[in-house]
Amino acid sequence: MLKKVSERTEAWKTIIIFLSIVTITSALFHYAIVNLYPSSIYIGGLMWCPALAAIITLKLKGRSISSLNWNWGNWKYIRLSYLVPVLYVCITYVLIWLFGLGGLPNGKMILDWAKELGLVGIGTLSPTFSVIVPVILLGTVGVIRAMATTLGEEIGWRGFFIYELRKVLSFTGVSLFSGIVWASWHWPLIVYYGGNIPLEFTTFFVVIISMSFIMTYYTFKSNSLWPAVIFHAVSNVYVQKIFPPLTSKIEGSEYWLGEYGIMFALVTFLFGIYFWRRGRKENTLDNID
């Protein structure tokens, strides 16, 4: 953290400029999502607003875009950025199945999933292949595709924003502040697409803030934005595309399933606590690998 008052003041000015640009540019896409059809085509543009805001802010400050830590970083953190979100999503759905909050997939569900993904031939031959092949494809090709949009967010949030925050806040402060901003940035989408708004607001904020602690930790440890890009994409694919089609709904399961589910919030919260404690213990703001 910066110690001089003038440097801290300048850092806060930069943060305010960035957040102002994010708000203005995102508002245009939020309006389009709510009022224009089809709304889904504007989601990608919205996800690139943080990157646009970061680039504009850097230009206004006379700083280079190359300062955004484009280096790949240590492969250890690349691997962990894939494995950790897979782990917490798997734990979430194992608990859902164990506690009877959602059902295990049946043959018809698997076949329907295979048909949806254009794997009808494989799906009719073997239910096992009908699960394995889609999971492999979504876990590789699907993640790479998702990275095209999560990159836009992470250039802004983890590539630029948290590095400005670290000049004036502790690891806890950076993770919490950036997590609240990141979660709040999504609120028009929750209102527009959501069902049970109070519940989804609560669980989503818990999930996003918890993820913020993990992603901030890996970003600072690797000194690279790529672990966050991969982490974000993997988390989205596994919790949105892979496990929901493999879980049958029962009465009340809508409160527990998916990225807005209570179980996902509980599991990610525990992961967030672990990485918060780990980040504080290791003085993550100071000790960069």
Protein backbone atom coordinates (compact mmCIF):
# COMPACT_ATOMS: atom_id res chain seq x y z
CA MET A 1 0.00 0.00 0.00
CA LEU A 2 1.08 3.55 -0.66
CA LYS A 3 2.10 5.55 2.41
CA LYS A 4 2.19 9.08 1.03
CA VAL A 5 -1.13 10.93 1.22
CA SER A 6 -0.68 12.42 -2.25
CA GLU A 7 -0.08 9.00 -3.82
CA ARG A 8 -3.09 7.49 -2.06
CA THR A 9 -5.25 10.40 -3.19
CA GLU A 10 -4.10 9.92 -6.78
CA ALA A 11 -4.86 6.20 -6.57
CA TRP A 12 -8.42 6.92 -5.36
CA LYS A 13 -8.90 9.39 -8.20
CA THR A 14 -7.86 6.71 -10.68
CA ILE A 15 -10.28 4.24 -9.07
CA ILE A 16 -13.14 6.75 -9.29
CA ILE A 17 -12.40 7.46 -12.95
CA PHE A 18 -12.40 3.75 -13.74
CA LEU A 19 -15.65 3.08 -11.87
CA SER A 20 -17.33 6.08 -13.50
CA ILE A 21 -16.44 4.83 -16.99
CA VAL A 22 -17.57 1.30 -16.13
CA THR A 23 -20.90 2.65 -14.88
CA ILE A 24 -21.55 4.81 -17.96
CA THR A 25 -20.58 2.21 -20.57
CA SER A 26 -22.33 -0.64 -18.74
CA ALA A 27 -25.53 1.38 -18.42
CA LEU A 28 -25.82 1.50 -22.21
CA PHE A 29 -25.65 -2.29 -22.47
CA HIS A 30 -27.94 -2.79 -19.49
CA TYR A 31 -30.49 -0.62 -21.27
CA ALA A 32 -30.08 -2.66 -24.45
CA ILE A 33 -30.45 -5.95 -22.58
CA VAL A 34 -33.69 -4.83 -20.94
CA ASN A 35 -35.26 -3.01 -23.90
CA LEU A 36 -33.93 -4.56 -27.11
CA TYR A 37 -34.33 -8.02 -28.62
CA PRO A 38 -32.66 -10.46 -28.56
CA SER A 39 -31.15 -9.36 -25.28
CA SER A 40 -28.53 -12.11 -25.18
CA ILE A 41 -26.44 -10.53 -27.95
CA TYR A 42 -25.66 -7.57 -25.70
CA ILE A 43 -24.29 -9.69 -22.83
CA GLY A 44 -20.91 -10.07 -24.53
CA GLY A 45 -20.63 -6.32 -25.01
CA LEU A 46 -21.49 -5.74 -21.37
CA MET A 47 -18.75 -8.12 -20.25
CA TRP A 48 -16.17 -6.09 -22.17
CA CYS A 49 -17.12 -2.80 -20.48
CA PRO A 50 -14.62 -3.28 -17.59
CA ALA A 51 -11.82 -3.82 -20.13
CA LEU A 52 -12.85 -0.72 -22.06
CA ALA A 53 -12.95 1.31 -18.84
CA ALA A 54 -9.49 0.07 -17.84
CA ILE A 55 -7.99 0.95 -21.23
CA ILE A 56 -9.56 4.43 -21.26
CA THR A 57 -8.41 5.09 -17.70
CA LEU A 58 -4.86 4.03 -18.55
CA LYS A 59 -4.86 6.36 -21.57
CA LEU A 60 -6.16 9.26 -19.48
CA LYS A 61 -3.41 8.61 -16.94
CA GLY A 62 -0.72 8.32 -19.61
CA ARG A 63 0.01 4.71 -18.73
CA SER A 64 0.66 1.79 -21.04
CA ILE A 65 -1.81 -1.03 -21.67
CA SER A 66 1.13 -3.41 -21.29
CA SER A 67 1.03 -2.67 -17.55
CA LEU A 68 -1.99 -4.99 -17.22
CA ASN A 69 0.15 -8.07 -16.51
CA TRP A 70 -0.42 -9.95 -19.74
CA ASN A 71 2.31 -12.46 -18.91
CA TRP A 72 1.12 -16.04 -18.53
CA GLY A 73 2.56 -16.41 -15.05
CA ASN A 74 3.44 -19.55 -13.13
CA TRP A 75 1.79 -22.68 -14.57
CA LYS A 76 0.96 -23.76 -11.03
CA TYR A 77 -1.60 -20.99 -10.74
CA ILE A 78 -2.98 -21.70 -14.21
CA ARG A 79 -3.66 -25.30 -13.18
CA LEU A 80 -5.16 -24.30 -9.84
CA SER A 81 -7.35 -21.67 -11.50
CA TYR A 82 -8.97 -24.51 -13.44
CA LEU A 83 -9.10 -27.11 -10.68
CA VAL A 84 -10.44 -24.98 -7.80
CA PRO A 85 -13.73 -23.91 -9.47
CA VAL A 86 -14.24 -27.48 -10.74
CA LEU A 87 -13.76 -28.67 -7.16
CA TYR A 88 -16.23 -26.28 -5.54
CA VAL A 89 -18.90 -26.90 -8.19
CA CYS A 90 -18.45 -30.69 -7.84
CA ILE A 91 -18.74 -30.42 -4.05
CA THR A 92 -21.88 -28.31 -4.46
CA TYR A 93 -23.67 -30.87 -6.58
CA VAL A 94 -22.48 -33.91 -4.63
CA LEU A 95 -24.01 -32.32 -1.53
CA ILE A 96 -27.20 -31.53 -3.46
CA TRP A 97 -27.48 -35.17 -4.55
CA LEU A 98 -26.58 -36.56 -1.12
CA PHE A 99 -29.15 -34.44 0.70
CA GLY A 100 -31.85 -35.13 -1.87
CA LEU A 101 -32.13 -31.50 -2.94
CA GLY A 102 -31.90 -32.56 -6.57
CA GLY A 103 -31.94 -35.91 -8.33
CA LEU A 104 -29.18 -37.80 -10.11
CA PRO A 105 -29.45 -37.86 -13.90
CA ASN A 106 -31.58 -40.53 -15.51
CA GLY A 107 -31.25 -42.05 -18.96
CA LYS A 108 -33.74 -39.67 -20.57
CA MET A 109 -31.98 -36.59 -19.16
CA ILE A 110 -28.64 -37.81 -20.48
CA LEU A 111 -30.10 -38.56 -23.91
CA ASP A 112 -31.80 -35.15 -24.09
CA TRP A 113 -28.52 -33.48 -23.15
CA ALA A 114 -26.69 -35.40 -25.86
CA LYS A 115 -29.31 -34.38 -28.42
CA GLU A 116 -29.05 -30.73 -27.36
CA LEU A 117 -25.29 -30.85 -27.91
CA GLY A 118 -25.60 -32.62 -31.26
CA LEU A 119 -24.25 -35.92 -29.95
CA VAL A 120 -27.29 -38.05 -30.72
CA GLY A 121 -25.30 -40.96 -32.13
CA ILE A 122 -23.05 -41.18 -29.10
CA GLY A 123 -25.99 -40.58 -26.82
CA THR A 124 -27.97 -43.52 -28.18
CA LEU A 125 -25.00 -45.87 -27.98
CA SER A 126 -24.04 -45.43 -24.33
CA PRO A 127 -25.26 -43.23 -21.45
CA THR A 128 -21.70 -43.21 -20.10
CA PHE A 129 -20.32 -41.68 -23.29
CA SER A 130 -23.29 -39.30 -23.32
CA VAL A 131 -21.96 -37.82 -20.09
CA ILE A 132 -18.21 -38.11 -20.61
CA VAL A 133 -18.04 -36.60 -24.10
CA PRO A 134 -20.11 -33.46 -23.34
CA VAL A 135 -18.20 -32.87 -20.10
CA ILE A 136 -14.87 -33.10 -21.94
CA LEU A 137 -16.06 -30.81 -24.74
CA LEU A 138 -17.61 -28.23 -22.43
CA GLY A 139 -14.65 -28.44 -20.05
CA THR A 140 -12.19 -27.65 -22.86
CA VAL A 141 -13.76 -26.04 -25.92
CA GLY A 142 -16.56 -24.56 -23.82
CA VAL A 143 -14.10 -23.00 -21.39
CA ILE A 144 -11.99 -21.53 -24.20
CA ARG A 145 -15.12 -20.04 -25.73
CA ALA A 146 -16.20 -18.63 -22.36
CA MET A 147 -12.77 -17.02 -21.94
CA ALA A 148 -13.56 -14.72 -24.87
CA THR A 149 -16.06 -12.89 -22.69
CA THR A 150 -14.56 -13.41 -19.23
CA LEU A 151 -11.35 -11.85 -20.58
CA GLY A 152 -13.26 -8.59 -21.02
CA GLU A 153 -14.31 -8.58 -17.39
CA GLU A 154 -10.97 -9.70 -16.00
CA ILE A 155 -8.89 -7.16 -17.90
CA GLY A 156 -10.88 -4.60 -15.95
CA TRP A 157 -11.52 -6.22 -12.58
CA ARG A 158 -8.39 -8.27 -11.92
CA GLY A 159 -6.02 -6.86 -14.55
CA PHE A 160 -6.48 -3.23 -13.51
CA PHE A 161 -8.97 -2.57 -10.69
CA ILE A 162 -7.51 -4.67 -7.89
CA TYR A 163 -4.01 -3.42 -8.64
CA GLU A 164 -5.22 0.13 -8.06
CA LEU A 165 -7.04 -0.93 -4.91
CA ARG A 166 -3.95 -2.64 -3.53
CA LYS A 167 -2.29 0.79 -3.42
CA VAL A 168 -4.74 1.92 -0.75
CA LEU A 169 -6.25 -1.22 0.83
CA SER A 170 -5.18 -4.46 2.48
CA PHE A 171 -5.73 -7.89 0.89
CA THR A 172 -9.02 -8.17 2.76
CA GLY A 173 -10.07 -4.68 1.69
CA VAL A 174 -9.14 -5.26 -1.95
CA SER A 175 -11.02 -8.57 -2.13
CA LEU A 176 -14.10 -7.28 -0.32
CA PHE A 177 -14.34 -3.92 -2.09
CA SER A 178 -13.76 -5.35 -5.57
CA GLY A 179 -16.17 -8.19 -4.84
CA ILE A 180 -18.95 -5.82 -3.81
CA VAL A 181 -18.40 -3.69 -6.91
CA TRP A 182 -18.27 -6.76 -9.16
CA ALA A 183 -21.47 -8.20 -7.67
CA SER A 184 -23.29 -4.84 -7.82
CA TRP A 185 -22.36 -4.47 -11.49
CA HIS A 186 -24.55 -7.54 -12.20
CA TRP A 187 -27.68 -6.36 -10.41
CA PRO A 188 -29.68 -5.23 -13.48
CA LEU A 189 -29.22 -8.71 -14.96
CA ILE A 190 -30.46 -10.35 -11.77
CA VAL A 191 -33.55 -8.13 -11.77
CA TYR A 192 -34.23 -8.75 -15.45
CA TYR A 193 -33.54 -12.49 -15.64
CA GLY A 194 -34.13 -13.53 -12.03
CA GLY A 195 -37.07 -15.23 -10.40
CA ASN A 196 -36.79 -15.02 -6.62
CA ILE A 197 -35.00 -11.65 -6.56
CA PRO A 198 -34.28 -11.31 -2.78
CA LEU A 199 -32.84 -14.83 -2.56
CA GLU A 200 -30.84 -14.53 -5.78
CA PHE A 201 -29.43 -11.16 -4.75
CA THR A 202 -28.25 -12.62 -1.44
CA THR A 203 -26.75 -15.83 -2.79
CA PHE A 204 -25.16 -14.11 -5.78
CA PHE A 205 -23.44 -11.51 -3.61
CA VAL A 206 -22.11 -14.24 -1.33
CA VAL A 207 -20.81 -16.22 -4.33
CA ILE A 208 -19.21 -13.26 -6.10
CA ILE A 209 -17.54 -11.82 -3.01
CA SER A 210 -16.25 -15.26 -2.05
CA MET A 211 -14.89 -15.76 -5.58
CA SER A 212 -13.29 -12.33 -5.35
CA PHE A 213 -11.11 -13.46 -2.43
CA ILE A 214 -9.95 -16.54 -4.36
CA MET A 215 -9.32 -14.70 -7.63
CA THR A 216 -7.55 -11.81 -5.93
CA TYR A 217 -5.30 -14.30 -4.17
CA TYR A 218 -4.33 -16.09 -7.39
CA THR A 219 -3.93 -12.84 -9.32
CA PHE A 220 -1.49 -11.37 -6.83
CA LYS A 221 0.38 -14.64 -6.34
CA SER A 222 0.84 -15.13 -10.10
CA ASN A 223 1.13 -11.43 -10.98
CA SER A 224 -0.93 -12.29 -14.07
CA LEU A 225 -4.54 -11.71 -15.16
CA TRP A 226 -4.82 -15.14 -16.86
CA PRO A 227 -5.57 -17.25 -13.77
CA ALA A 228 -8.60 -15.03 -13.12
CA VAL A 229 -9.74 -15.30 -16.76
CA ILE A 230 -9.54 -19.09 -16.65
CA PHE A 231 -11.05 -19.33 -13.15
CA HIS A 232 -14.02 -17.18 -14.17
CA ALA A 233 -14.64 -19.13 -17.38
CA VAL A 234 -14.36 -22.55 -15.73
CA SER A 235 -16.68 -21.56 -12.89
CA ASN A 236 -19.29 -20.28 -15.36
CA VAL A 237 -19.16 -23.37 -17.56
CA TYR A 238 -19.36 -25.93 -14.76
CA VAL A 239 -22.08 -24.24 -12.73
CA GLN A 240 -24.15 -23.11 -15.73
CA LYS A 241 -23.57 -25.68 -18.48
CA ILE A 242 -22.40 -28.99 -17.04
CA PHE A 243 -24.05 -29.85 -13.73
CA PRO A 244 -27.56 -28.33 -14.08
CA PRO A 245 -28.51 -30.59 -17.04
CA LEU A 246 -27.31 -33.59 -15.02
CA THR A 247 -29.51 -32.81 -12.02
CA SER A 248 -33.25 -33.49 -12.00
CA LYS A 249 -35.41 -30.99 -10.18
CA ILE A 250 -37.70 -31.86 -7.31
CA GLU A 251 -40.01 -29.69 -5.22
CA GLY A 252 -37.98 -26.90 -3.63
CA SER A 253 -34.81 -27.66 -5.59
CA GLU A 254 -34.97 -24.27 -7.34
CA TYR A 255 -33.68 -22.75 -4.08
CA TRP A 256 -30.59 -24.95 -4.09
CA LEU A 257 -29.53 -25.51 -7.72
CA GLY A 258 -27.45 -23.37 -10.05
CA GLU A 259 -25.27 -20.32 -9.60
CA TYR A 260 -28.01 -18.59 -7.57
CA GLY A 261 -28.60 -21.64 -5.38
CA ILE A 262 -28.11 -21.68 -1.63
CA MET A 263 -25.76 -24.67 -1.75
CA PHE A 264 -23.40 -22.98 -4.22
CA ALA A 265 -23.31 -19.89 -1.99
CA LEU A 266 -22.49 -21.97 1.09
CA VAL A 267 -19.69 -23.91 -0.60
CA THR A 268 -18.06 -20.88 -2.25
CA PHE A 269 -18.33 -18.99 1.04
CA LEU A 270 -16.26 -21.69 2.78
CA PHE A 271 -13.71 -21.57 -0.04
CA GLY A 272 -13.62 -17.77 0.25
CA ILE A 273 -12.96 -17.99 4.00
CA TYR A 274 -10.10 -20.41 3.38
CA PHE A 275 -8.44 -18.15 0.81
CA TRP A 276 -9.04 -15.05 2.95
CA ARG A 277 -7.20 -16.70 5.85
CA ARG A 278 -4.50 -17.96 3.52
CA GLY A 279 -4.03 -14.54 1.89
CA ARG A 280 -3.71 -12.80 5.25
CA LYS A 281 -1.31 -15.40 6.60
CA GLU A 282 0.93 -15.19 3.54
CA ASN A 283 0.78 -11.39 3.29
CA THR A 284 -0.34 -11.78 -0.31
CA LEU A 285 -0.05 -8.09 -1.09
CA ASP A 286 3.65 -8.18 -0.40
CA ASN A 287 4.81 -11.68 -1.31
CA ILE A 288 4.40 -12.12 -5.05
CA ASP A 289 5.77 -15.27 -6.68
